[in-house]
């Protein structure tokens, strides 16, 4: 295991679920480093997450967060997208904790 580069482990973990990535961090320091990497969590977040976050009022603080922290922040703190005043112009974005799925709510 020690001969395996962290980049390889990161790539493998990026193909799993958030739950599996977190669980794998208990295997070894190598897996923990890989599971905490932004590379893994960039892949686990929806591909359009930067565009979605940039349209929220808290975009500057969210976009600078480490990706794993951002994922779990969005699990417990949905963001309002749009003007927040009218139903047709507002959406809420949240993530499920265990799986890489996002929930858009009108």
PDB file of N, CA and C in Angstrom:
ATOM      1  N   UNK A   1       0.803  -1.204   0.000  1.00  0.00           N
ATOM      2  CA  UNK A   1       0.000   0.000   0.000  1.00  0.00           C
ATOM      3  C   UNK A   1       0.845   1.268   0.000  1.00  0.00           C
ATOM      4  N   UNK A   2       1.951   1.239   0.705  1.00  0.00           N
ATOM      5  CA  UNK A   2       2.761   2.443   0.816  1.00  0.00           C
ATOM      6  C   UNK A   2       3.353   2.852  -0.529  1.00  0.00           C
ATOM      7  N   UNK A   3       3.441   1.934  -1.467  1.00  0.00           N
ATOM      8  CA  UNK A   3       4.010   2.238  -2.771  1.00  0.00           C
ATOM      9  C   UNK A   3       3.001   2.881  -3.713  1.00  0.00           C
ATOM     10  N   UNK A   4       1.757   2.784  -3.378  1.00  0.00           N
ATOM     11  CA  UNK A   4       0.709   3.342  -4.217  1.00  0.00           C
ATOM     12  C   UNK A   4       0.650   4.857  -4.034  1.00  0.00           C
ATOM     13  N   UNK A   5       0.771   5.629  -5.109  1.00  0.00           N
ATOM     14  CA  UNK A   5       0.723   7.090  -4.974  1.00  0.00           C
ATOM     15  C   UNK A   5      -0.647   7.578  -4.507  1.00  0.00           C
ATOM     16  N   UNK A   6      -0.652   8.618  -3.711  1.00  0.00           N
ATOM     17  CA  UNK A   6      -1.902   9.171  -3.181  1.00  0.00           C
ATOM     18  C   UNK A   6      -2.812   9.611  -4.324  1.00  0.00           C
ATOM     19  N   UNK A   7      -2.242  10.029  -5.440  1.00  0.00           N
ATOM     20  CA  UNK A   7      -3.053  10.453  -6.585  1.00  0.00           C
ATOM     21  C   UNK A   7      -3.886   9.303  -7.130  1.00  0.00           C
ATOM     22  N   UNK A   8      -3.316   8.084  -7.135  1.00  0.00           N
ATOM     23  CA  UNK A   8      -4.062   6.905  -7.604  1.00  0.00           C
ATOM     24  C   UNK A   8      -5.221   6.597  -6.665  1.00  0.00           C
ATOM     25  N   UNK A   9      -4.959   6.645  -5.370  1.00  0.00           N
ATOM     26  CA  UNK A   9      -6.011   6.388  -4.388  1.00  0.00           C
ATOM     27  C   UNK A   9      -7.090   7.465  -4.496  1.00  0.00           C
ATOM     28  N   UNK A  10      -6.680   8.711  -4.686  1.00  0.00           N
ATOM     29  CA  UNK A  10      -7.648   9.799  -4.843  1.00  0.00           C
ATOM     30  C   UNK A  10      -8.545   9.568  -6.048  1.00  0.00           C
ATOM     31  N   UNK A  11      -7.948   9.151  -7.136  1.00  0.00           N
ATOM     32  CA  UNK A  11      -8.744   8.890  -8.339  1.00  0.00           C
ATOM     33  C   UNK A  11      -9.757   7.776  -8.087  1.00  0.00           C
ATOM     34  N   UNK A  12      -9.329   6.712  -7.453  1.00  0.00           N
ATOM     35  CA  UNK A  12     -10.228   5.592  -7.139  1.00  0.00           C
ATOM     36  C   UNK A  12     -11.370   6.060  -6.238  1.00  0.00           C
ATOM     37  N   UNK A  13     -11.042   6.820  -5.196  1.00  0.00           N
ATOM     38  CA  UNK A  13     -12.074   7.293  -4.265  1.00  0.00           C
ATOM     39  C   UNK A  13     -13.045   8.262  -4.932  1.00  0.00           C
ATOM     40  N   UNK A  14     -12.572   8.992  -5.921  1.00  0.00           N
ATOM     41  CA  UNK A  14     -13.447   9.945  -6.610  1.00  0.00           C
ATOM     42  C   UNK A  14     -14.532   9.241  -7.414  1.00  0.00           C
ATOM     43  N   UNK A  15     -14.366   7.952  -7.631  1.00  0.00           N
ATOM     44  CA  UNK A  15     -15.356   7.165  -8.373  1.00  0.00           C
ATOM     45  C   UNK A  15     -16.367   6.485  -7.451  1.00  0.00           C
ATOM     46  N   UNK A  16     -16.236   6.713  -6.141  1.00  0.00           N
ATOM     47  CA  UNK A  16     -17.130   6.096  -5.169  1.00  0.00           C
ATOM     48  C   UNK A  16     -18.177   7.107  -4.704  1.00  0.00           C
ATOM     49  N   UNK A  17     -18.731   6.892  -3.553  1.00  0.00           N
ATOM     50  CA  UNK A  17     -19.716   7.804  -2.965  1.00  0.00           C
ATOM     51  C   UNK A  17     -19.063   8.580  -1.818  1.00  0.00           C
ATOM     52  N   UNK A  18     -19.681   9.670  -1.370  1.00  0.00           N
ATOM     53  CA  UNK A  18     -19.155  10.382  -0.203  1.00  0.00           C
ATOM     54  C   UNK A  18     -19.019   9.475   1.014  1.00  0.00           C
ATOM     55  N   UNK A  19     -19.994   8.609   1.221  1.00  0.00           N
ATOM     56  CA  UNK A  19     -19.943   7.687   2.356  1.00  0.00           C
ATOM     57  C   UNK A  19     -18.712   6.785   2.255  1.00  0.00           C
ATOM     58  N   UNK A  20     -18.480   6.224   1.083  1.00  0.00           N
ATOM     59  CA  UNK A  20     -17.330   5.342   0.906  1.00  0.00           C
ATOM     60  C   UNK A  20     -16.013   6.091   1.044  1.00  0.00           C
ATOM     61  N   UNK A  21     -15.957   7.305   0.526  1.00  0.00           N
ATOM     62  CA  UNK A  21     -14.734   8.104   0.651  1.00  0.00           C
ATOM     63  C   UNK A  21     -14.427   8.371   2.125  1.00  0.00           C
ATOM     64  N   UNK A  22     -15.435   8.697   2.899  1.00  0.00           N
ATOM     65  CA  UNK A  22     -15.222   8.953   4.329  1.00  0.00           C
ATOM     66  C   UNK A  22     -14.825   7.681   5.071  1.00  0.00           C
ATOM     67  N   UNK A  23     -15.483   6.594   4.764  1.00  0.00           N
ATOM     68  CA  UNK A  23     -15.155   5.331   5.436  1.00  0.00           C
ATOM     69  C   UNK A  23     -13.734   4.874   5.110  1.00  0.00           C
ATOM     70  N   UNK A  24     -13.305   5.110   3.893  1.00  0.00           N
ATOM     71  CA  UNK A  24     -11.971   4.658   3.496  1.00  0.00           C
ATOM     72  C   UNK A  24     -10.869   5.385   4.255  1.00  0.00           C
ATOM     73  N   UNK A  25     -11.169   6.545   4.794  1.00  0.00           N
ATOM     74  CA  UNK A  25     -10.151   7.304   5.519  1.00  0.00           C
ATOM     75  C   UNK A  25      -9.684   6.590   6.780  1.00  0.00           C
ATOM     76  N   UNK A  26     -10.435   5.581   7.220  1.00  0.00           N
ATOM     77  CA  UNK A  26     -10.041   4.810   8.406  1.00  0.00           C
ATOM     78  C   UNK A  26      -9.036   3.709   8.065  1.00  0.00           C
ATOM     79  N   UNK A  27      -8.804   3.467   6.795  1.00  0.00           N
ATOM     80  CA  UNK A  27      -7.922   2.376   6.373  1.00  0.00           C
ATOM     81  C   UNK A  27      -6.461   2.661   6.711  1.00  0.00           C
ATOM     82  N   UNK A  28      -6.006   3.850   6.353  1.00  0.00           N
ATOM     83  CA  UNK A  28      -4.594   4.193   6.571  1.00  0.00           C
ATOM     84  C   UNK A  28      -4.408   5.696   6.376  1.00  0.00           C
ATOM     85  N   UNK A  29      -3.215   6.168   6.688  1.00  0.00           N
ATOM     86  CA  UNK A  29      -2.898   7.593   6.471  1.00  0.00           C
ATOM     87  C   UNK A  29      -2.984   7.935   4.989  1.00  0.00           C
ATOM     88  N   UNK A  30      -2.527   7.022   4.148  1.00  0.00           N
ATOM     89  CA  UNK A  30      -2.594   7.237   2.703  1.00  0.00           C
ATOM     90  C   UNK A  30      -4.036   7.445   2.255  1.00  0.00           C
ATOM     91  N   UNK A  31      -4.929   6.586   2.706  1.00  0.00           N
ATOM     92  CA  UNK A  31      -6.336   6.717   2.336  1.00  0.00           C
ATOM     93  C   UNK A  31      -6.955   7.965   2.960  1.00  0.00           C
ATOM     94  N   UNK A  32      -6.565   8.308   4.160  1.00  0.00           N
ATOM     95  CA  UNK A  32      -7.099   9.516   4.800  1.00  0.00           C
ATOM     96  C   UNK A  32      -6.684  10.751   4.006  1.00  0.00           C
ATOM     97  N   UNK A  33      -5.420  10.815   3.608  1.00  0.00           N
ATOM     98  CA  UNK A  33      -4.958  11.953   2.810  1.00  0.00           C
ATOM     99  C   UNK A  33      -5.701  12.034   1.486  1.00  0.00           C
ATOM    100  N   UNK A  34      -5.896  10.884   0.867  1.00  0.00           N
ATOM    101  CA  UNK A  34      -6.621  10.861  -0.400  1.00  0.00           C
ATOM    102  C   UNK A  34      -8.083  11.263  -0.200  1.00  0.00           C
ATOM    103  N   UNK A  35      -8.708  10.727   0.832  1.00  0.00           N
ATOM    104  CA  UNK A  35     -10.128  10.996   1.084  1.00  0.00           C
ATOM    105  C   UNK A  35     -10.382  12.448   1.468  1.00  0.00           C
ATOM    106  N   UNK A  36      -9.385  13.136   1.967  1.00  0.00           N
ATOM    107  CA  UNK A  36      -9.542  14.542   2.339  1.00  0.00           C
ATOM    108  C   UNK A  36      -9.187  15.498   1.200  1.00  0.00           C
ATOM    109  N   UNK A  37      -8.718  14.973   0.095  1.00  0.00           N
ATOM    110  CA  UNK A  37      -8.232  15.841  -0.980  1.00  0.00           C
ATOM    111  C   UNK A  37      -9.366  16.538  -1.725  1.00  0.00           C
ATOM    112  N   UNK A  38      -9.086  17.735  -2.172  1.00  0.00           N
ATOM    113  CA  UNK A  38     -10.057  18.485  -2.964  1.00  0.00           C
ATOM    114  C   UNK A  38     -10.366  17.759  -4.274  1.00  0.00           C
ATOM    115  N   UNK A  39      -9.395  17.033  -4.812  1.00  0.00           N
ATOM    116  CA  UNK A  39      -9.626  16.304  -6.058  1.00  0.00           C
ATOM    117  C   UNK A  39     -10.813  15.353  -5.914  1.00  0.00           C
ATOM    118  N   UNK A  40     -10.851  14.588  -4.831  1.00  0.00           N
ATOM    119  CA  UNK A  40     -11.938  13.631  -4.602  1.00  0.00           C
ATOM    120  C   UNK A  40     -13.271  14.361  -4.493  1.00  0.00           C
ATOM    121  N   UNK A  41     -13.312  15.407  -3.689  1.00  0.00           N
ATOM    122  CA  UNK A  41     -14.583  16.081  -3.420  1.00  0.00           C
ATOM    123  C   UNK A  41     -15.035  16.944  -4.584  1.00  0.00           C
ATOM    124  N   UNK A  42     -14.116  17.407  -5.430  1.00  0.00           N
ATOM    125  CA  UNK A  42     -14.520  18.104  -6.670  1.00  0.00           C
ATOM    126  C   UNK A  42     -15.326  17.148  -7.539  1.00  0.00           C
ATOM    127  N   UNK A  43     -14.925  15.894  -7.555  1.00  0.00           N
ATOM    128  CA  UNK A  43     -15.624  14.886  -8.364  1.00  0.00           C
ATOM    129  C   UNK A  43     -16.946  14.473  -7.721  1.00  0.00           C
ATOM    130  N   UNK A  44     -17.037  14.526  -6.404  1.00  0.00           N
ATOM    131  CA  UNK A  44     -18.256  14.115  -5.707  1.00  0.00           C
ATOM    132  C   UNK A  44     -19.317  15.209  -5.684  1.00  0.00           C
ATOM    133  N   UNK A  45     -18.890  16.446  -5.832  1.00  0.00           N
ATOM    134  CA  UNK A  45     -19.852  17.547  -5.945  1.00  0.00           C
ATOM    135  C   UNK A  45     -20.430  17.548  -7.356  1.00  0.00           C
ATOM    136  N   UNK A  46     -21.625  18.084  -7.547  1.00  0.00           N
ATOM    137  CA  UNK A  46     -22.180  18.164  -8.909  1.00  0.00           C
ATOM    138  C   UNK A  46     -21.244  18.978  -9.807  1.00  0.00           C
ATOM    139  N   UNK A  47     -21.175  18.616 -11.069  1.00  0.00           N
ATOM    140  CA  UNK A  47     -20.242  19.275 -11.985  1.00  0.00           C
ATOM    141  C   UNK A  47     -20.494  20.779 -12.097  1.00  0.00           C
ATOM    142  N   UNK A  48     -21.714  21.222 -11.880  1.00  0.00           N
ATOM    143  CA  UNK A  48     -22.049  22.646 -12.011  1.00  0.00           C
ATOM    144  C   UNK A  48     -22.034  23.390 -10.674  1.00  0.00           C
ATOM    145  N   UNK A  49     -21.402  22.812  -9.647  1.00  0.00           N
ATOM    146  CA  UNK A  49     -21.482  23.417  -8.309  1.00  0.00           C
ATOM    147  C   UNK A  49     -20.896  24.832  -8.263  1.00  0.00           C
ATOM    148  N   UNK A  50     -19.849  25.117  -9.018  1.00  0.00           N
ATOM    149  CA  UNK A  50     -19.266  26.467  -8.988  1.00  0.00           C
ATOM    150  C   UNK A  50     -20.233  27.500  -9.541  1.00  0.00           C
ATOM    151  N   UNK A  51     -20.902  27.148 -10.632  1.00  0.00           N
ATOM    152  CA  UNK A  51     -21.878  28.070 -11.222  1.00  0.00           C
ATOM    153  C   UNK A  51     -23.046  28.276 -10.280  1.00  0.00           C
ATOM    154  N   UNK A  52     -23.513  27.206  -9.653  1.00  0.00           N
ATOM    155  CA  UNK A  52     -24.653  27.301  -8.734  1.00  0.00           C
ATOM    156  C   UNK A  52     -24.287  28.146  -7.524  1.00  0.00           C
ATOM    157  N   UNK A  53     -23.131  27.883  -6.948  1.00  0.00           N
ATOM    158  CA  UNK A  53     -22.703  28.632  -5.762  1.00  0.00           C
ATOM    159  C   UNK A  53     -22.475  30.103  -6.096  1.00  0.00           C
ATOM    160  N   UNK A  54     -21.932  30.371  -7.277  1.00  0.00           N
ATOM    161  CA  UNK A  54     -21.657  31.763  -7.639  1.00  0.00           C
ATOM    162  C   UNK A  54     -22.936  32.590  -7.749  1.00  0.00           C
ATOM    163  N   UNK A  55     -24.088  31.935  -7.928  1.00  0.00           N
ATOM    164  CA  UNK A  55     -25.342  32.681  -7.997  1.00  0.00           C
ATOM    165  C   UNK A  55     -26.015  32.827  -6.636  1.00  0.00           C
ATOM    166  N   UNK A  56     -25.343  32.379  -5.574  1.00  0.00           N
ATOM    167  CA  UNK A  56     -25.907  32.527  -4.229  1.00  0.00           C
ATOM    168  C   UNK A  56     -25.317  33.754  -3.543  1.00  0.00           C
ATOM    169  N   UNK A  57     -25.977  34.191  -2.495  1.00  0.00           N
ATOM    170  CA  UNK A  57     -25.513  35.388  -1.787  1.00  0.00           C
ATOM    171  C   UNK A  57     -24.258  35.127  -0.969  1.00  0.00           C
ATOM    172  N   UNK A  58     -23.974  33.877  -0.643  1.00  0.00           N
ATOM    173  CA  UNK A  58     -22.794  33.558   0.171  1.00  0.00           C
ATOM    174  C   UNK A  58     -21.680  32.930  -0.661  1.00  0.00           C
ATOM    175  N   UNK A  59     -21.628  33.259  -1.932  1.00  0.00           N
ATOM    176  CA  UNK A  59     -20.696  32.602  -2.841  1.00  0.00           C
ATOM    177  C   UNK A  59     -19.231  32.796  -2.469  1.00  0.00           C
ATOM    178  N   UNK A  60     -18.849  33.983  -2.016  1.00  0.00           N
ATOM    179  CA  UNK A  60     -17.430  34.235  -1.749  1.00  0.00           C
ATOM    180  C   UNK A  60     -16.896  33.371  -0.614  1.00  0.00           C
ATOM    181  N   UNK A  61     -17.680  33.151   0.417  1.00  0.00           N
ATOM    182  CA  UNK A  61     -17.200  32.322   1.527  1.00  0.00           C
ATOM    183  C   UNK A  61     -17.267  30.836   1.184  1.00  0.00           C
ATOM    184  N   UNK A  62     -18.233  30.432   0.373  1.00  0.00           N
ATOM    185  CA  UNK A  62     -18.388  29.017   0.044  1.00  0.00           C
ATOM    186  C   UNK A  62     -17.353  28.530  -0.958  1.00  0.00           C
ATOM    187  N   UNK A  63     -17.089  29.309  -1.973  1.00  0.00           N
ATOM    188  CA  UNK A  63     -16.203  28.857  -3.048  1.00  0.00           C
ATOM    189  C   UNK A  63     -14.766  28.687  -2.566  1.00  0.00           C
ATOM    190  N   UNK A  64     -14.386  29.358  -1.485  1.00  0.00           N
ATOM    191  CA  UNK A  64     -13.017  29.246  -0.978  1.00  0.00           C
ATOM    192  C   UNK A  64     -12.849  28.106   0.029  1.00  0.00           C
ATOM    193  N   UNK A  65     -13.945  27.439   0.395  1.00  0.00           N
ATOM    194  CA  UNK A  65     -13.867  26.338   1.363  1.00  0.00           C
ATOM    195  C   UNK A  65     -13.204  25.115   0.735  1.00  0.00           C
ATOM    196  N   UNK A  66     -12.484  24.319   1.551  1.00  0.00           N
ATOM    197  CA  UNK A  66     -12.039  23.020   1.039  1.00  0.00           C
ATOM    198  C   UNK A  66     -13.277  22.247   0.578  1.00  0.00           C
ATOM    199  N   UNK A  67     -13.139  21.476  -0.475  1.00  0.00           N
ATOM    200  CA  UNK A  67     -14.300  20.839  -1.101  1.00  0.00           C
ATOM    201  C   UNK A  67     -15.031  19.862  -0.178  1.00  0.00           C
ATOM    202  N   UNK A  68     -14.317  19.137   0.663  1.00  0.00           N
ATOM    203  CA  UNK A  68     -14.984  18.226   1.593  1.00  0.00           C
ATOM    204  C   UNK A  68     -15.814  19.028   2.592  1.00  0.00           C
ATOM    205  N   UNK A  69     -15.253  20.093   3.118  1.00  0.00           N
ATOM    206  CA  UNK A  69     -15.985  20.951   4.047  1.00  0.00           C
ATOM    207  C   UNK A  69     -17.196  21.574   3.365  1.00  0.00           C
ATOM    208  N   UNK A  70     -17.042  21.971   2.119  1.00  0.00           N
ATOM    209  CA  UNK A  70     -18.151  22.539   1.358  1.00  0.00           C
ATOM    210  C   UNK A  70     -19.276  21.520   1.202  1.00  0.00           C
ATOM    211  N   UNK A  71     -18.931  20.304   0.864  1.00  0.00           N
ATOM    212  CA  UNK A  71     -19.935  19.249   0.698  1.00  0.00           C
ATOM    213  C   UNK A  71     -20.757  19.088   1.981  1.00  0.00           C
ATOM    214  N   UNK A  72     -20.078  18.936   3.104  1.00  0.00           N
ATOM    215  CA  UNK A  72     -20.806  18.712   4.349  1.00  0.00           C
ATOM    216  C   UNK A  72     -21.509  19.974   4.848  1.00  0.00           C
ATOM    217  N   UNK A  73     -20.981  21.128   4.517  1.00  0.00           N
ATOM    218  CA  UNK A  73     -21.687  22.376   4.839  1.00  0.00           C
ATOM    219  C   UNK A  73     -23.018  22.419   4.090  1.00  0.00           C
ATOM    220  N   UNK A  74     -22.991  22.049   2.807  1.00  0.00           N
ATOM    221  CA  UNK A  74     -24.219  22.083   2.015  1.00  0.00           C
ATOM    222  C   UNK A  74     -25.195  20.976   2.403  1.00  0.00           C
ATOM    223  N   UNK A  75     -24.724  19.948   3.093  1.00  0.00           N
ATOM    224  CA  UNK A  75     -25.641  18.914   3.609  1.00  0.00           C
ATOM    225  C   UNK A  75     -26.530  19.473   4.712  1.00  0.00           C
ATOM    226  N   UNK A  76     -26.001  20.411   5.472  1.00  0.00           N
ATOM    227  CA  UNK A  76     -26.751  20.937   6.615  1.00  0.00           C
ATOM    228  C   UNK A  76     -27.202  22.384   6.444  1.00  0.00           C
ATOM    229  N   UNK A  77     -26.673  23.077   5.446  1.00  0.00           N
ATOM    230  CA  UNK A  77     -27.017  24.476   5.212  1.00  0.00           C
ATOM    231  C   UNK A  77     -27.337  24.694   3.730  1.00  0.00           C
ATOM    232  N   UNK A  78     -28.576  24.420   3.319  1.00  0.00           N
ATOM    233  CA  UNK A  78     -28.921  24.663   1.909  1.00  0.00           C
ATOM    234  C   UNK A  78     -28.711  26.128   1.558  1.00  0.00           C
ATOM    235  N   UNK A  79     -28.375  26.390   0.315  1.00  0.00           N
ATOM    236  CA  UNK A  79     -28.204  27.775  -0.116  1.00  0.00           C
ATOM    237  C   UNK A  79     -29.377  28.183  -1.006  1.00  0.00           C
ATOM    238  N   UNK A  80     -29.699  29.456  -0.957  1.00  0.00           N
ATOM    239  CA  UNK A  80     -30.761  30.015  -1.783  1.00  0.00           C
ATOM    240  C   UNK A  80     -30.125  30.511  -3.074  1.00  0.00           C
ATOM    241  N   UNK A  81     -30.684  30.072  -4.184  1.00  0.00           N
ATOM    242  CA  UNK A  81     -30.208  30.491  -5.494  1.00  0.00           C
ATOM    243  C   UNK A  81     -31.281  31.375  -6.105  1.00  0.00           C
ATOM    244  N   UNK A  82     -30.905  32.493  -6.611  1.00  0.00           N
ATOM    245  CA  UNK A  82     -31.867  33.424  -7.186  1.00  0.00           C
ATOM    246  C   UNK A  82     -32.105  34.577  -6.232  1.00  0.00           C
ATOM    247  N   UNK A  83     -33.249  35.254  -6.407  1.00  0.00           N
ATOM    248  CA  UNK A  83     -33.492  36.456  -5.604  1.00  0.00           C
ATOM    249  C   UNK A  83     -34.012  36.166  -4.206  1.00  0.00           C
ATOM    250  N   UNK A  84     -34.486  34.952  -3.952  1.00  0.00           N
ATOM    251  CA  UNK A  84     -34.948  34.591  -2.612  1.00  0.00           C
ATOM    252  C   UNK A  84     -36.311  35.142  -2.249  1.00  0.00           C
ATOM    253  N   UNK A  85     -36.919  35.890  -3.153  1.00  0.00           N
ATOM    254  CA  UNK A  85     -38.203  36.519  -2.843  1.00  0.00           C
ATOM    255  C   UNK A  85     -39.366  35.887  -3.595  1.00  0.00           C
ATOM    256  N   UNK A  86     -39.154  35.499  -4.835  1.00  0.00           N
ATOM    257  CA  UNK A  86     -40.248  34.926  -5.613  1.00  0.00           C
ATOM    258  C   UNK A  86     -39.964  33.458  -5.895  1.00  0.00           C
ATOM    259  N   UNK A  87     -41.003  32.663  -5.899  1.00  0.00           N
ATOM    260  CA  UNK A  87     -40.848  31.226  -6.096  1.00  0.00           C
ATOM    261  C   UNK A  87     -40.237  30.927  -7.456  1.00  0.00           C
ATOM    262  N   UNK A  88     -40.642  31.659  -8.486  1.00  0.00           N
ATOM    263  CA  UNK A  88     -40.143  31.360  -9.826  1.00  0.00           C
ATOM    264  C   UNK A  88     -38.662  31.707  -9.991  1.00  0.00           C
ATOM    265  N   UNK A  89     -38.142  32.570  -9.146  1.00  0.00           N
ATOM    266  CA  UNK A  89     -36.744  32.977  -9.264  1.00  0.00           C
ATOM    267  C   UNK A  89     -35.867  32.442  -8.139  1.00  0.00           C
ATOM    268  N   UNK A  90     -36.378  31.513  -7.348  1.00  0.00           N
ATOM    269  CA  UNK A  90     -35.621  31.017  -6.208  1.00  0.00           C
ATOM    270  C   UNK A  90     -35.565  29.499  -6.192  1.00  0.00           C
ATOM    271  N   UNK A  91     -34.394  28.988  -5.880  1.00  0.00           N
ATOM    272  CA  UNK A  91     -34.194  27.562  -5.675  1.00  0.00           C
ATOM    273  C   UNK A  91     -33.362  27.393  -4.422  1.00  0.00           C
ATOM    274  N   UNK A  92     -33.456  26.240  -3.827  1.00  0.00           N
ATOM    275  CA  UNK A  92     -32.619  25.901  -2.686  1.00  0.00           C
ATOM    276  C   UNK A  92     -31.791  24.688  -3.074  1.00  0.00           C
ATOM    277  N   UNK A  93     -30.500  24.724  -2.794  1.00  0.00           N
ATOM    278  CA  UNK A  93     -29.613  23.607  -3.113  1.00  0.00           C
ATOM    279  C   UNK A  93     -29.126  22.969  -1.830  1.00  0.00           C
ATOM    280  N   UNK A  94     -29.241  21.656  -1.738  1.00  0.00           N
ATOM    281  CA  UNK A  94     -28.739  20.901  -0.590  1.00  0.00           C
ATOM    282  C   UNK A  94     -28.211  19.570  -1.097  1.00  0.00           C
ATOM    283  N   UNK A  95     -27.438  18.895  -0.283  1.00  0.00           N
ATOM    284  CA  UNK A  95     -26.890  17.589  -0.641  1.00  0.00           C
ATOM    285  C   UNK A  95     -27.310  16.564   0.380  1.00  0.00           C
ATOM    286  N   UNK A  96     -27.431  15.326  -0.080  1.00  0.00           N
ATOM    287  CA  UNK A  96     -27.647  14.240   0.862  1.00  0.00           C
ATOM    288  C   UNK A  96     -26.291  13.851   1.414  1.00  0.00           C
ATOM    289  N   UNK A  97     -26.238  13.527   2.653  1.00  0.00           N
ATOM    290  CA  UNK A  97     -24.971  13.253   3.336  1.00  0.00           C
ATOM    291  C   UNK A  97     -24.288  11.982   2.822  1.00  0.00           C
ATOM    292  N   UNK A  98     -25.029  10.941   2.579  1.00  0.00           N
ATOM    293  CA  UNK A  98     -24.415   9.643   2.282  1.00  0.00           C
ATOM    294  C   UNK A  98     -24.028   9.461   0.817  1.00  0.00           C
ATOM    295  N   UNK A  99     -24.783  10.043  -0.070  1.00  0.00           N
ATOM    296  CA  UNK A  99     -24.552   9.798  -1.488  1.00  0.00           C
ATOM    297  C   UNK A  99     -24.346  11.097  -2.216  1.00  0.00           C
ATOM    298  N   UNK A 100     -23.730  11.008  -3.348  1.00  0.00           N
ATOM    299  CA  UNK A 100     -23.425  12.203  -4.132  1.00  0.00           C
ATOM    300  C   UNK A 100     -24.643  12.618  -4.939  1.00  0.00           C
ATOM    301  N   UNK A 101     -25.666  13.064  -4.266  1.00  0.00           N
ATOM    302  CA  UNK A 101     -26.834  13.551  -4.965  1.00  0.00           C
ATOM    303  C   UNK A 101     -27.233  14.903  -4.395  1.00  0.00           C
ATOM    304  N   UNK A 102     -27.607  15.776  -5.282  1.00  0.00           N
ATOM    305  CA  UNK A 102     -28.028  17.100  -4.849  1.00  0.00           C
ATOM    306  C   UNK A 102     -29.539  17.186  -4.950  1.00  0.00           C
ATOM    307  N   UNK A 103     -30.098  18.091  -4.189  1.00  0.00           N
ATOM    308  CA  UNK A 103     -31.540  18.291  -4.169  1.00  0.00           C
ATOM    309  C   UNK A 103     -31.795  19.762  -4.459  1.00  0.00           C
ATOM    310  N   UNK A 104     -32.491  20.025  -5.543  1.00  0.00           N
ATOM    311  CA  UNK A 104     -32.921  21.389  -5.854  1.00  0.00           C
ATOM    312  C   UNK A 104     -34.377  21.497  -5.488  1.00  0.00           C
ATOM    313  N   UNK A 105     -34.727  22.472  -4.673  1.00  0.00           N
ATOM    314  CA  UNK A 105     -36.090  22.663  -4.223  1.00  0.00           C
ATOM    315  C   UNK A 105     -36.571  24.030  -4.654  1.00  0.00           C
ATOM    316  N   UNK A 106     -37.774  24.085  -5.176  1.00  0.00           N
ATOM    317  CA  UNK A 106     -38.359  25.369  -5.568  1.00  0.00           C
ATOM    318  C   UNK A 106     -39.163  25.905  -4.413  1.00  0.00           C
TER     319      UNK A 106
END
